[in-house]
Amino acid sequence: MKGRINNRMGEIQIHPEVIAKYAGLTAIECFGIVGMAAISMKDGLVKLLKRESLTHGITLSIEDNHITLDFHVIVSYGVSISAVADNLIENVKYKVEEFTGMTVDRINIYVEGVRVID
């Protein structure tokens, strides 16, 4: 479902893919996030997604202009997962609400792996 915003000049529709891409770019800028993860249904392996396919690690739903986001992430080794998750939630919620004008109701974070950064 697309996000819809009505103003005095007409209607604005935002495709969920646009919001997911923006949320993904915001997420990978957060401290402690290595990148987005994709899980292979065939063999259950987790792989780090490239910057071009960030949206594969994000599930987004929009109902009545209220957004719910699910992030599948890989975090840096040695960082506090709860601190990274809190930072991710705060940054993404603020930036997505500012970007879209819609309310972010829920952000779920699934840590799919840990990676050592050189």
PDB file of N, CA and C in Angstrom:
ATOM      1  N   MET A   1       0.835  -1.175   0.000  1.00  0.00           N
ATOM      2  CA  MET A   1       0.000   0.000   0.000  1.00  0.00           C
ATOM      3  C   MET A   1       0.883   1.243   0.000  1.00  0.00           C
ATOM      4  N   LYS A   2       0.530   2.199  -0.786  1.00  0.00           N
ATOM      5  CA  LYS A   2       1.283   3.446  -0.865  1.00  0.00           C
ATOM      6  C   LYS A   2       0.853   4.399   0.237  1.00  0.00           C
ATOM      7  N   GLY A   3       1.815   5.221   0.686  1.00  0.00           N
ATOM      8  CA  GLY A   3       1.487   6.277   1.624  1.00  0.00           C
ATOM      9  C   GLY A   3       0.835   7.417   0.880  1.00  0.00           C
ATOM     10  N   ARG A   4      -0.193   7.990   1.436  1.00  0.00           N
ATOM     11  CA  ARG A   4      -0.922   9.082   0.789  1.00  0.00           C
ATOM     12  C   ARG A   4      -0.980  10.280   1.720  1.00  0.00           C
ATOM     13  N   ILE A   5      -0.641  11.422   1.171  1.00  0.00           N
ATOM     14  CA  ILE A   5      -0.722  12.670   1.910  1.00  0.00           C
ATOM     15  C   ILE A   5      -1.547  13.629   1.070  1.00  0.00           C
ATOM     16  N   ASN A   6      -2.569  14.193   1.670  1.00  0.00           N
ATOM     17  CA  ASN A   6      -3.410  15.169   0.970  1.00  0.00           C
ATOM     18  C   ASN A   6      -3.043  16.566   1.438  1.00  0.00           C
ATOM     19  N   ASN A   7      -2.929  17.469   0.483  1.00  0.00           N
ATOM     20  CA  ASN A   7      -2.738  18.882   0.813  1.00  0.00           C
ATOM     21  C   ASN A   7      -3.705  19.699  -0.039  1.00  0.00           C
ATOM     22  N   ARG A   8      -3.631  21.006   0.065  1.00  0.00           N
ATOM     23  CA  ARG A   8      -4.596  21.855  -0.634  1.00  0.00           C
ATOM     24  C   ARG A   8      -4.465  21.803  -2.154  1.00  0.00           C
ATOM     25  N   MET A   9      -3.312  21.365  -2.649  1.00  0.00           N
ATOM     26  CA  MET A   9      -3.092  21.317  -4.095  1.00  0.00           C
ATOM     27  C   MET A   9      -3.428  19.954  -4.708  1.00  0.00           C
ATOM     28  N   GLY A  10      -3.546  18.935  -3.858  1.00  0.00           N
ATOM     29  CA  GLY A  10      -3.820  17.611  -4.392  1.00  0.00           C
ATOM     30  C   GLY A  10      -3.311  16.518  -3.474  1.00  0.00           C
ATOM     31  N   GLU A  11      -2.969  15.386  -4.061  1.00  0.00           N
ATOM     32  CA  GLU A  11      -2.545  14.222  -3.290  1.00  0.00           C
ATOM     33  C   GLU A  11      -1.114  13.835  -3.637  1.00  0.00           C
ATOM     34  N   ILE A  12      -0.374  13.433  -2.627  1.00  0.00           N
ATOM     35  CA  ILE A  12       0.991  12.939  -2.810  1.00  0.00           C
ATOM     36  C   ILE A  12       0.986  11.467  -2.455  1.00  0.00           C
ATOM     37  N   GLN A  13       1.513  10.623  -3.341  1.00  0.00           N
ATOM     38  CA  GLN A  13       1.631   9.199  -3.073  1.00  0.00           C
ATOM     39  C   GLN A  13       3.106   8.836  -3.005  1.00  0.00           C
ATOM     40  N   ILE A  14       3.482   8.104  -1.966  1.00  0.00           N
ATOM     41  CA  ILE A  14       4.868   7.674  -1.798  1.00  0.00           C
ATOM     42  C   ILE A  14       4.905   6.157  -1.862  1.00  0.00           C
ATOM     43  N   HIS A  15       5.662   5.625  -2.805  1.00  0.00           N
ATOM     44  CA  HIS A  15       5.785   4.180  -2.971  1.00  0.00           C
ATOM     45  C   HIS A  15       6.595   3.600  -1.809  1.00  0.00           C
ATOM     46  N   PRO A  16       6.197   2.451  -1.279  1.00  0.00           N
ATOM     47  CA  PRO A  16       6.927   1.841  -0.159  1.00  0.00           C
ATOM     48  C   PRO A  16       8.407   1.580  -0.444  1.00  0.00           C
ATOM     49  N   GLU A  17       8.748   1.315  -1.697  1.00  0.00           N
ATOM     50  CA  GLU A  17      10.147   1.075  -2.073  1.00  0.00           C
ATOM     51  C   GLU A  17      11.006   2.314  -1.819  1.00  0.00           C
ATOM     52  N   VAL A  18      10.438   3.489  -2.038  1.00  0.00           N
ATOM     53  CA  VAL A  18      11.158   4.746  -1.804  1.00  0.00           C
ATOM     54  C   VAL A  18      11.434   4.921  -0.314  1.00  0.00           C
ATOM     55  N   ILE A  19      10.432   4.649   0.504  1.00  0.00           N
ATOM     56  CA  ILE A  19      10.597   4.773   1.954  1.00  0.00           C
ATOM     57  C   ILE A  19      11.595   3.744   2.463  1.00  0.00           C
ATOM     58  N   ALA A  20      11.518   2.513   1.959  1.00  0.00           N
ATOM     59  CA  ALA A  20      12.445   1.460   2.379  1.00  0.00           C
ATOM     60  C   ALA A  20      13.884   1.810   2.010  1.00  0.00           C
ATOM     61  N   LYS A  21      14.091   2.345   0.829  1.00  0.00           N
ATOM     62  CA  LYS A  21      15.440   2.740   0.392  1.00  0.00           C
ATOM     63  C   LYS A  21      15.986   3.852   1.293  1.00  0.00           C
ATOM     64  N   TYR A  22      15.175   4.845   1.588  1.00  0.00           N
ATOM     65  CA  TYR A  22      15.590   5.947   2.453  1.00  0.00           C
ATOM     66  C   TYR A  22      15.902   5.435   3.862  1.00  0.00           C
ATOM     67  N   ALA A  23      15.041   4.563   4.376  1.00  0.00           N
ATOM     68  CA  ALA A  23      15.271   3.988   5.703  1.00  0.00           C
ATOM     69  C   ALA A  23      16.546   3.157   5.721  1.00  0.00           C
ATOM     70  N   GLY A  24      16.811   2.408   4.658  1.00  0.00           N
ATOM     71  CA  GLY A  24      18.023   1.602   4.571  1.00  0.00           C
ATOM     72  C   GLY A  24      19.283   2.442   4.529  1.00  0.00           C
ATOM     73  N   LEU A  25      19.249   3.517   3.753  1.00  0.00           N
ATOM     74  CA  LEU A  25      20.401   4.420   3.689  1.00  0.00           C
ATOM     75  C   LEU A  25      20.646   5.090   5.038  1.00  0.00           C
ATOM     76  N   THR A  26      19.575   5.438   5.740  1.00  0.00           N
ATOM     77  CA  THR A  26      19.698   6.016   7.077  1.00  0.00           C
ATOM     78  C   THR A  26      20.277   4.987   8.042  1.00  0.00           C
ATOM     79  N   ALA A  27      19.836   3.759   7.939  1.00  0.00           N
ATOM     80  CA  ALA A  27      20.279   2.698   8.852  1.00  0.00           C
ATOM     81  C   ALA A  27      21.768   2.399   8.722  1.00  0.00           C
ATOM     82  N   ILE A  28      22.271   2.331   7.493  1.00  0.00           N
ATOM     83  CA  ILE A  28      23.686   1.973   7.347  1.00  0.00           C
ATOM     84  C   ILE A  28      24.624   3.106   7.746  1.00  0.00           C
ATOM     85  N   GLU A  29      24.078   4.311   7.937  1.00  0.00           N
ATOM     86  CA  GLU A  29      24.882   5.419   8.444  1.00  0.00           C
ATOM     87  C   GLU A  29      25.037   5.352   9.967  1.00  0.00           C
ATOM     88  N   CYS A  30      24.234   4.528  10.624  1.00  0.00           N
ATOM     89  CA  CYS A  30      24.254   4.436  12.085  1.00  0.00           C
ATOM     90  C   CYS A  30      25.495   3.688  12.563  1.00  0.00           C
ATOM     91  N   PHE A  31      26.043   4.144  13.687  1.00  0.00           N
ATOM     92  CA  PHE A  31      27.213   3.502  14.287  1.00  0.00           C
ATOM     93  C   PHE A  31      26.878   2.056  14.647  1.00  0.00           C
ATOM     94  N   GLY A  32      27.773   1.150  14.297  1.00  0.00           N
ATOM     95  CA  GLY A  32      27.631  -0.251  14.674  1.00  0.00           C
ATOM     96  C   GLY A  32      26.913  -1.112  13.666  1.00  0.00           C
ATOM     97  N   ILE A  33      26.312  -0.503  12.651  1.00  0.00           N
ATOM     98  CA  ILE A  33      25.621  -1.275  11.619  1.00  0.00           C
ATOM     99  C   ILE A  33      26.593  -1.502  10.462  1.00  0.00           C
ATOM    100  N   VAL A  34      26.870  -2.765  10.166  1.00  0.00           N
ATOM    101  CA  VAL A  34      27.740  -3.110   9.045  1.00  0.00           C
ATOM    102  C   VAL A  34      26.952  -3.018   7.745  1.00  0.00           C
ATOM    103  N   GLY A  35      25.718  -3.510   7.777  1.00  0.00           N
ATOM    104  CA  GLY A  35      24.885  -3.462   6.586  1.00  0.00           C
ATOM    105  C   GLY A  35      23.603  -4.222   6.797  1.00  0.00           C
ATOM    106  N   MET A  36      22.830  -4.310   5.744  1.00  0.00           N
ATOM    107  CA  MET A  36      21.562  -5.031   5.777  1.00  0.00           C
ATOM    108  C   MET A  36      21.838  -6.481   5.411  1.00  0.00           C
ATOM    109  N   ALA A  37      20.975  -7.369   5.900  1.00  0.00           N
ATOM    110  CA  ALA A  37      21.165  -8.799   5.682  1.00  0.00           C
ATOM    111  C   ALA A  37      20.003  -9.375   4.887  1.00  0.00           C
ATOM    112  N   ALA A  38      20.309 -10.386   4.107  1.00  0.00           N
ATOM    113  CA  ALA A  38      19.280 -11.151   3.404  1.00  0.00           C
ATOM    114  C   ALA A  38      19.474 -12.606   3.774  1.00  0.00           C
ATOM    115  N   ILE A  39      18.374 -13.277   4.051  1.00  0.00           N
ATOM    116  CA  ILE A  39      18.430 -14.686   4.415  1.00  0.00           C
ATOM    117  C   ILE A  39      17.984 -15.505   3.224  1.00  0.00           C
ATOM    118  N   SER A  40      18.815 -16.460   2.846  1.00  0.00           N
ATOM    119  CA  SER A  40      18.466 -17.340   1.739  1.00  0.00           C
ATOM    120  C   SER A  40      17.474 -18.380   2.251  1.00  0.00           C
ATOM    121  N   MET A  41      16.307 -18.425   1.659  1.00  0.00           N
ATOM    122  CA  MET A  41      15.290 -19.392   2.075  1.00  0.00           C
ATOM    123  C   MET A  41      15.710 -20.819   1.736  1.00  0.00           C
ATOM    124  N   LYS A  42      16.537 -20.961   0.714  1.00  0.00           N
ATOM    125  CA  LYS A  42      16.936 -22.283   0.263  1.00  0.00           C
ATOM    126  C   LYS A  42      17.826 -22.983   1.284  1.00  0.00           C
ATOM    127  N   ASP A  43      18.862 -22.266   1.768  1.00  0.00           N
ATOM    128  CA  ASP A  43      19.814 -22.911   2.673  1.00  0.00           C
ATOM    129  C   ASP A  43      19.933 -22.240   4.035  1.00  0.00           C
ATOM    130  N   GLY A  44      19.188 -21.168   4.268  1.00  0.00           N
ATOM    131  CA  GLY A  44      19.187 -20.510   5.568  1.00  0.00           C
ATOM    132  C   GLY A  44      20.412 -19.659   5.856  1.00  0.00           C
ATOM    133  N   LEU A  45      21.254 -19.419   4.854  1.00  0.00           N
ATOM    134  CA  LEU A  45      22.453 -18.609   5.057  1.00  0.00           C
ATOM    135  C   LEU A  45      22.124 -17.120   5.008  1.00  0.00           C
ATOM    136  N   VAL A  46      22.881 -16.367   5.788  1.00  0.00           N
ATOM    137  CA  VAL A  46      22.702 -14.916   5.825  1.00  0.00           C
ATOM    138  C   VAL A  46      23.821 -14.285   5.023  1.00  0.00           C
ATOM    139  N   LYS A  47      23.486 -13.325   4.158  1.00  0.00           N
ATOM    140  CA  LYS A  47      24.535 -12.639   3.410  1.00  0.00           C
ATOM    141  C   LYS A  47      24.372 -11.135   3.552  1.00  0.00           C
ATOM    142  N   LEU A  48      25.496 -10.460   3.515  1.00  0.00           N
ATOM    143  CA  LEU A  48      25.529  -9.003   3.588  1.00  0.00           C
ATOM    144  C   LEU A  48      25.137  -8.436   2.235  1.00  0.00           C
ATOM    145  N   LEU A  49      24.157  -7.535   2.243  1.00  0.00           N
ATOM    146  CA  LEU A  49      23.676  -6.942   0.993  1.00  0.00           C
ATOM    147  C   LEU A  49      24.535  -5.756   0.582  1.00  0.00           C
ATOM    148  N   LYS A  50      24.682  -5.586  -0.707  1.00  0.00           N
ATOM    149  CA  LYS A  50      25.382  -4.419  -1.224  1.00  0.00           C
ATOM    150  C   LYS A  50      24.481  -3.200  -1.117  1.00  0.00           C
ATOM    151  N   ARG A  51      25.064  -2.050  -1.239  1.00  0.00           N
ATOM    152  CA  ARG A  51      24.337  -0.791  -1.089  1.00  0.00           C
ATOM    153  C   ARG A  51      23.181  -0.665  -2.090  1.00  0.00           C
ATOM    154  N   GLU A  52      23.314  -1.267  -3.256  1.00  0.00           N
ATOM    155  CA  GLU A  52      22.276  -1.155  -4.275  1.00  0.00           C
ATOM    156  C   GLU A  52      21.028  -1.970  -3.930  1.00  0.00           C
ATOM    157  N   SER A  53      21.144  -2.965  -3.067  1.00  0.00           N
ATOM    158  CA  SER A  53      19.995  -3.830  -2.764  1.00  0.00           C
ATOM    159  C   SER A  53      19.620  -3.792  -1.289  1.00  0.00           C
ATOM    160  N   LEU A  54      19.689  -2.609  -0.693  1.00  0.00           N
ATOM    161  CA  LEU A  54      19.371  -2.442   0.726  1.00  0.00           C
ATOM    162  C   LEU A  54      17.941  -2.835   1.059  1.00  0.00           C
ATOM    163  N   THR A  55      17.038  -2.605   0.141  1.00  0.00           N
ATOM    164  CA  THR A  55      15.632  -2.817   0.442  1.00  0.00           C
ATOM    165  C   THR A  55      15.285  -4.282   0.650  1.00  0.00           C
ATOM    166  N   HIS A  56      16.155  -5.208   0.235  1.00  0.00           N
ATOM    167  CA  HIS A  56      15.889  -6.629   0.438  1.00  0.00           C
ATOM    168  C   HIS A  56      16.005  -7.006   1.920  1.00  0.00           C
ATOM    169  N   GLY A  57      16.672  -6.185   2.706  1.00  0.00           N
ATOM    170  CA  GLY A  57      16.794  -6.437   4.135  1.00  0.00           C
ATOM    171  C   GLY A  57      15.765  -5.691   4.964  1.00  0.00           C
ATOM    172  N   ILE A  58      14.810  -5.055   4.310  1.00  0.00           N
ATOM    173  CA  ILE A  58      13.806  -4.254   5.001  1.00  0.00           C
ATOM    174  C   ILE A  58      12.416  -4.691   4.552  1.00  0.00           C
ATOM    175  N   THR A  59      11.549  -4.885   5.527  1.00  0.00           N
ATOM    176  CA  THR A  59      10.130  -5.131   5.239  1.00  0.00           C
ATOM    177  C   THR A  59       9.367  -3.922   5.742  1.00  0.00           C
ATOM    178  N   LEU A  60       8.496  -3.393   4.906  1.00  0.00           N
ATOM    179  CA  LEU A  60       7.779  -2.173   5.241  1.00  0.00           C
ATOM    180  C   LEU A  60       6.296  -2.368   4.996  1.00  0.00           C
ATOM    181  N   SER A  61       5.485  -1.885   5.920  1.00  0.00           N
ATOM    182  CA  SER A  61       4.047  -1.883   5.678  1.00  0.00           C
ATOM    183  C   SER A  61       3.490  -0.513   6.060  1.00  0.00           C
ATOM    184  N   ILE A  62       2.495  -0.079   5.315  1.00  0.00           N
ATOM    185  CA  ILE A  62       1.850   1.208   5.556  1.00  0.00           C
ATOM    186  C   ILE A  62       0.352   0.963   5.676  1.00  0.00           C
ATOM    187  N   GLU A  63      -0.226   1.387   6.788  1.00  0.00           N
ATOM    188  CA  GLU A  63      -1.676   1.312   6.979  1.00  0.00           C
ATOM    189  C   GLU A  63      -2.148   2.641   7.535  1.00  0.00           C
ATOM    190  N   ASP A  64      -3.017   3.291   6.834  1.00  0.00           N
ATOM    191  CA  ASP A  64      -3.558   4.598   7.240  1.00  0.00           C
ATOM    192  C   ASP A  64      -2.444   5.605   7.557  1.00  0.00           C
ATOM    193  N   ASN A  65      -1.441   5.646   6.695  1.00  0.00           N
ATOM    194  CA  ASN A  65      -0.284   6.546   6.837  1.00  0.00           C
ATOM    195  C   ASN A  65       0.511   6.315   8.116  1.00  0.00           C
ATOM    196  N   HIS A  66       0.476   5.097   8.644  1.00  0.00           N
ATOM    197  CA  HIS A  66       1.305   4.694   9.775  1.00  0.00           C
ATOM    198  C   HIS A  66       2.249   3.597   9.280  1.00  0.00           C
ATOM    199  N   ILE A  67       3.541   3.813   9.481  1.00  0.00           N
ATOM    200  CA  ILE A  67       4.569   2.942   8.919  1.00  0.00           C
ATOM    201  C   ILE A  67       5.085   1.966   9.971  1.00  0.00           C
ATOM    202  N   THR A  68       5.267   0.715   9.556  1.00  0.00           N
ATOM    203  CA  THR A  68       5.942  -0.300  10.358  1.00  0.00           C
ATOM    204  C   THR A  68       7.126  -0.800   9.546  1.00  0.00           C
ATOM    205  N   LEU A  69       8.312  -0.822  10.174  1.00  0.00           N
ATOM    206  CA  LEU A  69       9.548  -1.240   9.500  1.00  0.00           C
ATOM    207  C   LEU A  69      10.166  -2.427  10.221  1.00  0.00           C
ATOM    208  N   ASP A  70      10.648  -3.396   9.456  1.00  0.00           N
ATOM    209  CA  ASP A  70      11.436  -4.509   9.984  1.00  0.00           C
ATOM    210  C   ASP A  70      12.801  -4.453   9.313  1.00  0.00           C
ATOM    211  N   PHE A  71      13.857  -4.392  10.132  1.00  0.00           N
ATOM    212  CA  PHE A  71      15.221  -4.355   9.626  1.00  0.00           C
ATOM    213  C   PHE A  71      15.914  -5.673   9.949  1.00  0.00           C
ATOM    214  N   HIS A  72      16.568  -6.250   8.951  1.00  0.00           N
ATOM    215  CA  HIS A  72      17.424  -7.410   9.152  1.00  0.00           C
ATOM    216  C   HIS A  72      18.851  -6.900   8.952  1.00  0.00           C
ATOM    217  N   VAL A  73      19.622  -6.830  10.045  1.00  0.00           N
ATOM    218  CA  VAL A  73      20.921  -6.168   9.999  1.00  0.00           C
ATOM    219  C   VAL A  73      22.049  -7.087  10.445  1.00  0.00           C
ATOM    220  N   ILE A  74      23.242  -6.671  10.066  1.00  0.00           N
ATOM    221  CA  ILE A  74      24.480  -7.269  10.561  1.00  0.00           C
ATOM    222  C   ILE A  74      25.198  -6.167  11.320  1.00  0.00           C
ATOM    223  N   VAL A  75      25.606  -6.478  12.563  1.00  0.00           N
ATOM    224  CA  VAL A  75      26.245  -5.479  13.422  1.00  0.00           C
ATOM    225  C   VAL A  75      27.736  -5.744  13.535  1.00  0.00           C
ATOM    226  N   SER A  76      28.459  -4.710  13.955  1.00  0.00           N
ATOM    227  CA  SER A  76      29.904  -4.815  14.164  1.00  0.00           C
ATOM    228  C   SER A  76      30.182  -5.633  15.417  1.00  0.00           C
ATOM    229  N   TYR A  77      31.256  -6.385  15.376  1.00  0.00           N
ATOM    230  CA  TYR A  77      31.686  -7.158  16.535  1.00  0.00           C
ATOM    231  C   TYR A  77      32.159  -6.208  17.635  1.00  0.00           C
ATOM    232  N   GLY A  78      31.766  -6.483  18.870  1.00  0.00           N
ATOM    233  CA  GLY A  78      32.253  -5.724  20.008  1.00  0.00           C
ATOM    234  C   GLY A  78      31.417  -4.532  20.413  1.00  0.00           C
ATOM    235  N   VAL A  79      30.327  -4.267  19.709  1.00  0.00           N
ATOM    236  CA  VAL A  79      29.474  -3.139  20.080  1.00  0.00           C
ATOM    237  C   VAL A  79      28.275  -3.656  20.880  1.00  0.00           C
ATOM    238  N   SER A  80      27.680  -2.773  21.645  1.00  0.00           N
ATOM    239  CA  SER A  80      26.479  -3.118  22.397  1.00  0.00           C
ATOM    240  C   SER A  80      25.293  -3.166  21.433  1.00  0.00           C
ATOM    241  N   ILE A  81      24.698  -4.326  21.297  1.00  0.00           N
ATOM    242  CA  ILE A  81      23.586  -4.486  20.367  1.00  0.00           C
ATOM    243  C   ILE A  81      22.416  -3.604  20.777  1.00  0.00           C
ATOM    244  N   SER A  82      22.142  -3.504  22.065  1.00  0.00           N
ATOM    245  CA  SER A  82      21.015  -2.670  22.495  1.00  0.00           C
ATOM    246  C   SER A  82      21.272  -1.194  22.209  1.00  0.00           C
ATOM    247  N   ALA A  83      22.515  -0.734  22.368  1.00  0.00           N
ATOM    248  CA  ALA A  83      22.842   0.661  22.059  1.00  0.00           C
ATOM    249  C   ALA A  83      22.722   0.927  20.559  1.00  0.00           C
ATOM    250  N   VAL A  84      23.195  -0.013  19.753  1.00  0.00           N
ATOM    251  CA  VAL A  84      23.098   0.127  18.294  1.00  0.00           C
ATOM    252  C   VAL A  84      21.632   0.135  17.868  1.00  0.00           C
ATOM    253  N   ALA A  85      20.834  -0.755  18.446  1.00  0.00           N
ATOM    254  CA  ALA A  85      19.411  -0.827  18.100  1.00  0.00           C
ATOM    255  C   ALA A  85      18.679   0.454  18.503  1.00  0.00           C
ATOM    256  N   ASP A  86      18.961   0.960  19.690  1.00  0.00           N
ATOM    257  CA  ASP A  86      18.326   2.210  20.126  1.00  0.00           C
ATOM    258  C   ASP A  86      18.685   3.370  19.203  1.00  0.00           C
ATOM    259  N   ASN A  87      19.963   3.447  18.824  1.00  0.00           N
ATOM    260  CA  ASN A  87      20.422   4.493  17.913  1.00  0.00           C
ATOM    261  C   ASN A  87      19.745   4.364  16.548  1.00  0.00           C
ATOM    262  N   LEU A  88      19.662   3.147  16.042  1.00  0.00           N
ATOM    263  CA  LEU A  88      19.025   2.887  14.752  1.00  0.00           C
ATOM    264  C   LEU A  88      17.554   3.302  14.785  1.00  0.00           C
ATOM    265  N   ILE A  89      16.843   2.899  15.831  1.00  0.00           N
ATOM    266  CA  ILE A  89      15.417   3.223  15.946  1.00  0.00           C
ATOM    267  C   ILE A  89      15.210   4.733  16.004  1.00  0.00           C
ATOM    268  N   GLU A  90      15.990   5.398  16.822  1.00  0.00           N
ATOM    269  CA  GLU A  90      15.843   6.848  16.981  1.00  0.00           C
ATOM    270  C   GLU A  90      16.114   7.593  15.675  1.00  0.00           C
ATOM    271  N   ASN A  91      17.231   7.256  15.011  1.00  0.00           N
ATOM    272  CA  ASN A  91      17.600   7.937  13.763  1.00  0.00           C
ATOM    273  C   ASN A  91      16.601   7.675  12.638  1.00  0.00           C
ATOM    274  N   VAL A  92      16.248   6.415  12.456  1.00  0.00           N
ATOM    275  CA  VAL A  92      15.342   6.063  11.358  1.00  0.00           C
ATOM    276  C   VAL A  92      13.965   6.665  11.595  1.00  0.00           C
ATOM    277  N   LYS A  93      13.451   6.571  12.802  1.00  0.00           N
ATOM    278  CA  LYS A  93      12.128   7.131  13.115  1.00  0.00           C
ATOM    279  C   LYS A  93      12.101   8.630  12.808  1.00  0.00           C
ATOM    280  N   TYR A  94      13.094   9.353  13.288  1.00  0.00           N
ATOM    281  CA  TYR A  94      13.133  10.795  13.074  1.00  0.00           C
ATOM    282  C   TYR A  94      13.222  11.139  11.587  1.00  0.00           C
ATOM    283  N   LYS A  95      14.174  10.515  10.886  1.00  0.00           N
ATOM    284  CA  LYS A  95      14.406  10.881   9.489  1.00  0.00           C
ATOM    285  C   LYS A  95      13.272  10.442   8.565  1.00  0.00           C
ATOM    286  N   VAL A  96      12.702   9.265   8.794  1.00  0.00           N
ATOM    287  CA  VAL A  96      11.605   8.803   7.934  1.00  0.00           C
ATOM    288  C   VAL A  96      10.356   9.641   8.163  1.00  0.00           C
ATOM    289  N   GLU A  97      10.067   9.997   9.415  1.00  0.00           N
ATOM    290  CA  GLU A  97       8.913  10.855   9.679  1.00  0.00           C
ATOM    291  C   GLU A  97       9.099  12.229   9.062  1.00  0.00           C
ATOM    292  N   GLU A  98      10.309  12.757   9.134  1.00  0.00           N
ATOM    293  CA  GLU A  98      10.598  14.065   8.533  1.00  0.00           C
ATOM    294  C   GLU A  98      10.505  13.988   7.011  1.00  0.00           C
ATOM    295  N   PHE A  99      10.985  12.910   6.420  1.00  0.00           N
ATOM    296  CA  PHE A  99      11.020  12.718   4.973  1.00  0.00           C
ATOM    297  C   PHE A  99       9.618  12.531   4.387  1.00  0.00           C
ATOM    298  N   THR A 100       8.791  11.733   5.073  1.00  0.00           N
ATOM    299  CA  THR A 100       7.494  11.356   4.507  1.00  0.00           C
ATOM    300  C   THR A 100       6.312  12.161   5.040  1.00  0.00           C
ATOM    301  N   GLY A 101       6.427  12.692   6.233  1.00  0.00           N
ATOM    302  CA  GLY A 101       5.293  13.351   6.862  1.00  0.00           C
ATOM    303  C   GLY A 101       4.314  12.361   7.470  1.00  0.00           C
ATOM    304  N   MET A 102       4.681  11.073   7.483  1.00  0.00           N
ATOM    305  CA  MET A 102       3.840  10.032   8.079  1.00  0.00           C
ATOM    306  C   MET A 102       4.433   9.619   9.432  1.00  0.00           C
ATOM    307  N   THR A 103       3.647   8.897  10.207  1.00  0.00           N
ATOM    308  CA  THR A 103       4.078   8.451  11.524  1.00  0.00           C
ATOM    309  C   THR A 103       4.689   7.058  11.439  1.00  0.00           C
ATOM    310  N   VAL A 104       5.844   6.880  12.074  1.00  0.00           N
ATOM    311  CA  VAL A 104       6.446   5.553  12.199  1.00  0.00           C
ATOM    312  C   VAL A 104       5.970   4.981  13.527  1.00  0.00           C
ATOM    313  N   ASP A 105       5.145   3.949  13.457  1.00  0.00           N
ATOM    314  CA  ASP A 105       4.573   3.360  14.668  1.00  0.00           C
ATOM    315  C   ASP A 105       5.491   2.328  15.304  1.00  0.00           C
ATOM    316  N   ARG A 106       6.168   1.559  14.463  1.00  0.00           N
ATOM    317  CA  ARG A 106       6.934   0.441  14.997  1.00  0.00           C
ATOM    318  C   ARG A 106       8.157   0.179  14.129  1.00  0.00           C
ATOM    319  N   ILE A 107       9.286  -0.096  14.805  1.00  0.00           N
ATOM    320  CA  ILE A 107      10.506  -0.514  14.121  1.00  0.00           C
ATOM    321  C   ILE A 107      11.012  -1.770  14.821  1.00  0.00           C
ATOM    322  N   ASN A 108      11.050  -2.870  14.086  1.00  0.00           N
ATOM    323  CA  ASN A 108      11.568  -4.138  14.612  1.00  0.00           C
ATOM    324  C   ASN A 108      12.937  -4.377  14.021  1.00  0.00           C
ATOM    325  N   ILE A 109      13.887  -4.786  14.873  1.00  0.00           N
ATOM    326  CA  ILE A 109      15.251  -5.039  14.408  1.00  0.00           C
ATOM    327  C   ILE A 109      15.592  -6.496  14.659  1.00  0.00           C
ATOM    328  N   TYR A 110      16.030  -7.162  13.601  1.00  0.00           N
ATOM    329  CA  TYR A 110      16.460  -8.557  13.682  1.00  0.00           C
ATOM    330  C   TYR A 110      17.946  -8.595  13.378  1.00  0.00           C
ATOM    331  N   VAL A 111      18.748  -8.937  14.382  1.00  0.00           N
ATOM    332  CA  VAL A 111      20.195  -9.026  14.185  1.00  0.00           C
ATOM    333  C   VAL A 111      20.475 -10.410  13.611  1.00  0.00           C
ATOM    334  N   GLU A 112      20.918 -10.426  12.359  1.00  0.00           N
ATOM    335  CA  GLU A 112      21.132 -11.687  11.645  1.00  0.00           C
ATOM    336  C   GLU A 112      22.582 -12.155  11.688  1.00  0.00           C
ATOM    337  N   GLY A 113      23.480 -11.284  12.131  1.00  0.00           N
ATOM    338  CA  GLY A 113      24.886 -11.684  12.182  1.00  0.00           C
ATOM    339  C   GLY A 113      25.760 -10.608  12.774  1.00  0.00           C
ATOM    340  N   VAL A 114      27.000 -11.023  13.020  1.00  0.00           N
ATOM    341  CA  VAL A 114      28.022 -10.122  13.566  1.00  0.00           C
ATOM    342  C   VAL A 114      29.231 -10.239  12.651  1.00  0.00           C
ATOM    343  N   ARG A 115      29.853  -9.108  12.379  1.00  0.00           N
ATOM    344  CA  ARG A 115      31.006  -9.103  11.489  1.00  0.00           C
ATOM    345  C   ARG A 115      32.117  -8.263  12.085  1.00  0.00           C
ATOM    346  N   VAL A 116      33.349  -8.757  11.975  1.00  0.00           N
ATOM    347  CA  VAL A 116      34.518  -8.010  12.424  1.00  0.00           C
ATOM    348  C   VAL A 116      34.885  -7.004  11.347  1.00  0.00           C
ATOM    349  N   ILE A 117      35.063  -5.762  11.759  1.00  0.00           N
ATOM    350  CA  ILE A 117      35.442  -4.697  10.829  1.00  0.00           C
ATOM    351  C   ILE A 117      36.944  -4.499  10.913  1.00  0.00           C
ATOM    352  N   ASP A 118      37.597  -4.444   9.748  1.00  0.00           N
ATOM    353  CA  ASP A 118      39.057  -4.265   9.698  1.00  0.00           C
ATOM    354  C   ASP A 118      39.472  -2.872  10.100  1.00  0.00           C
TER     355      ASP A 118
END
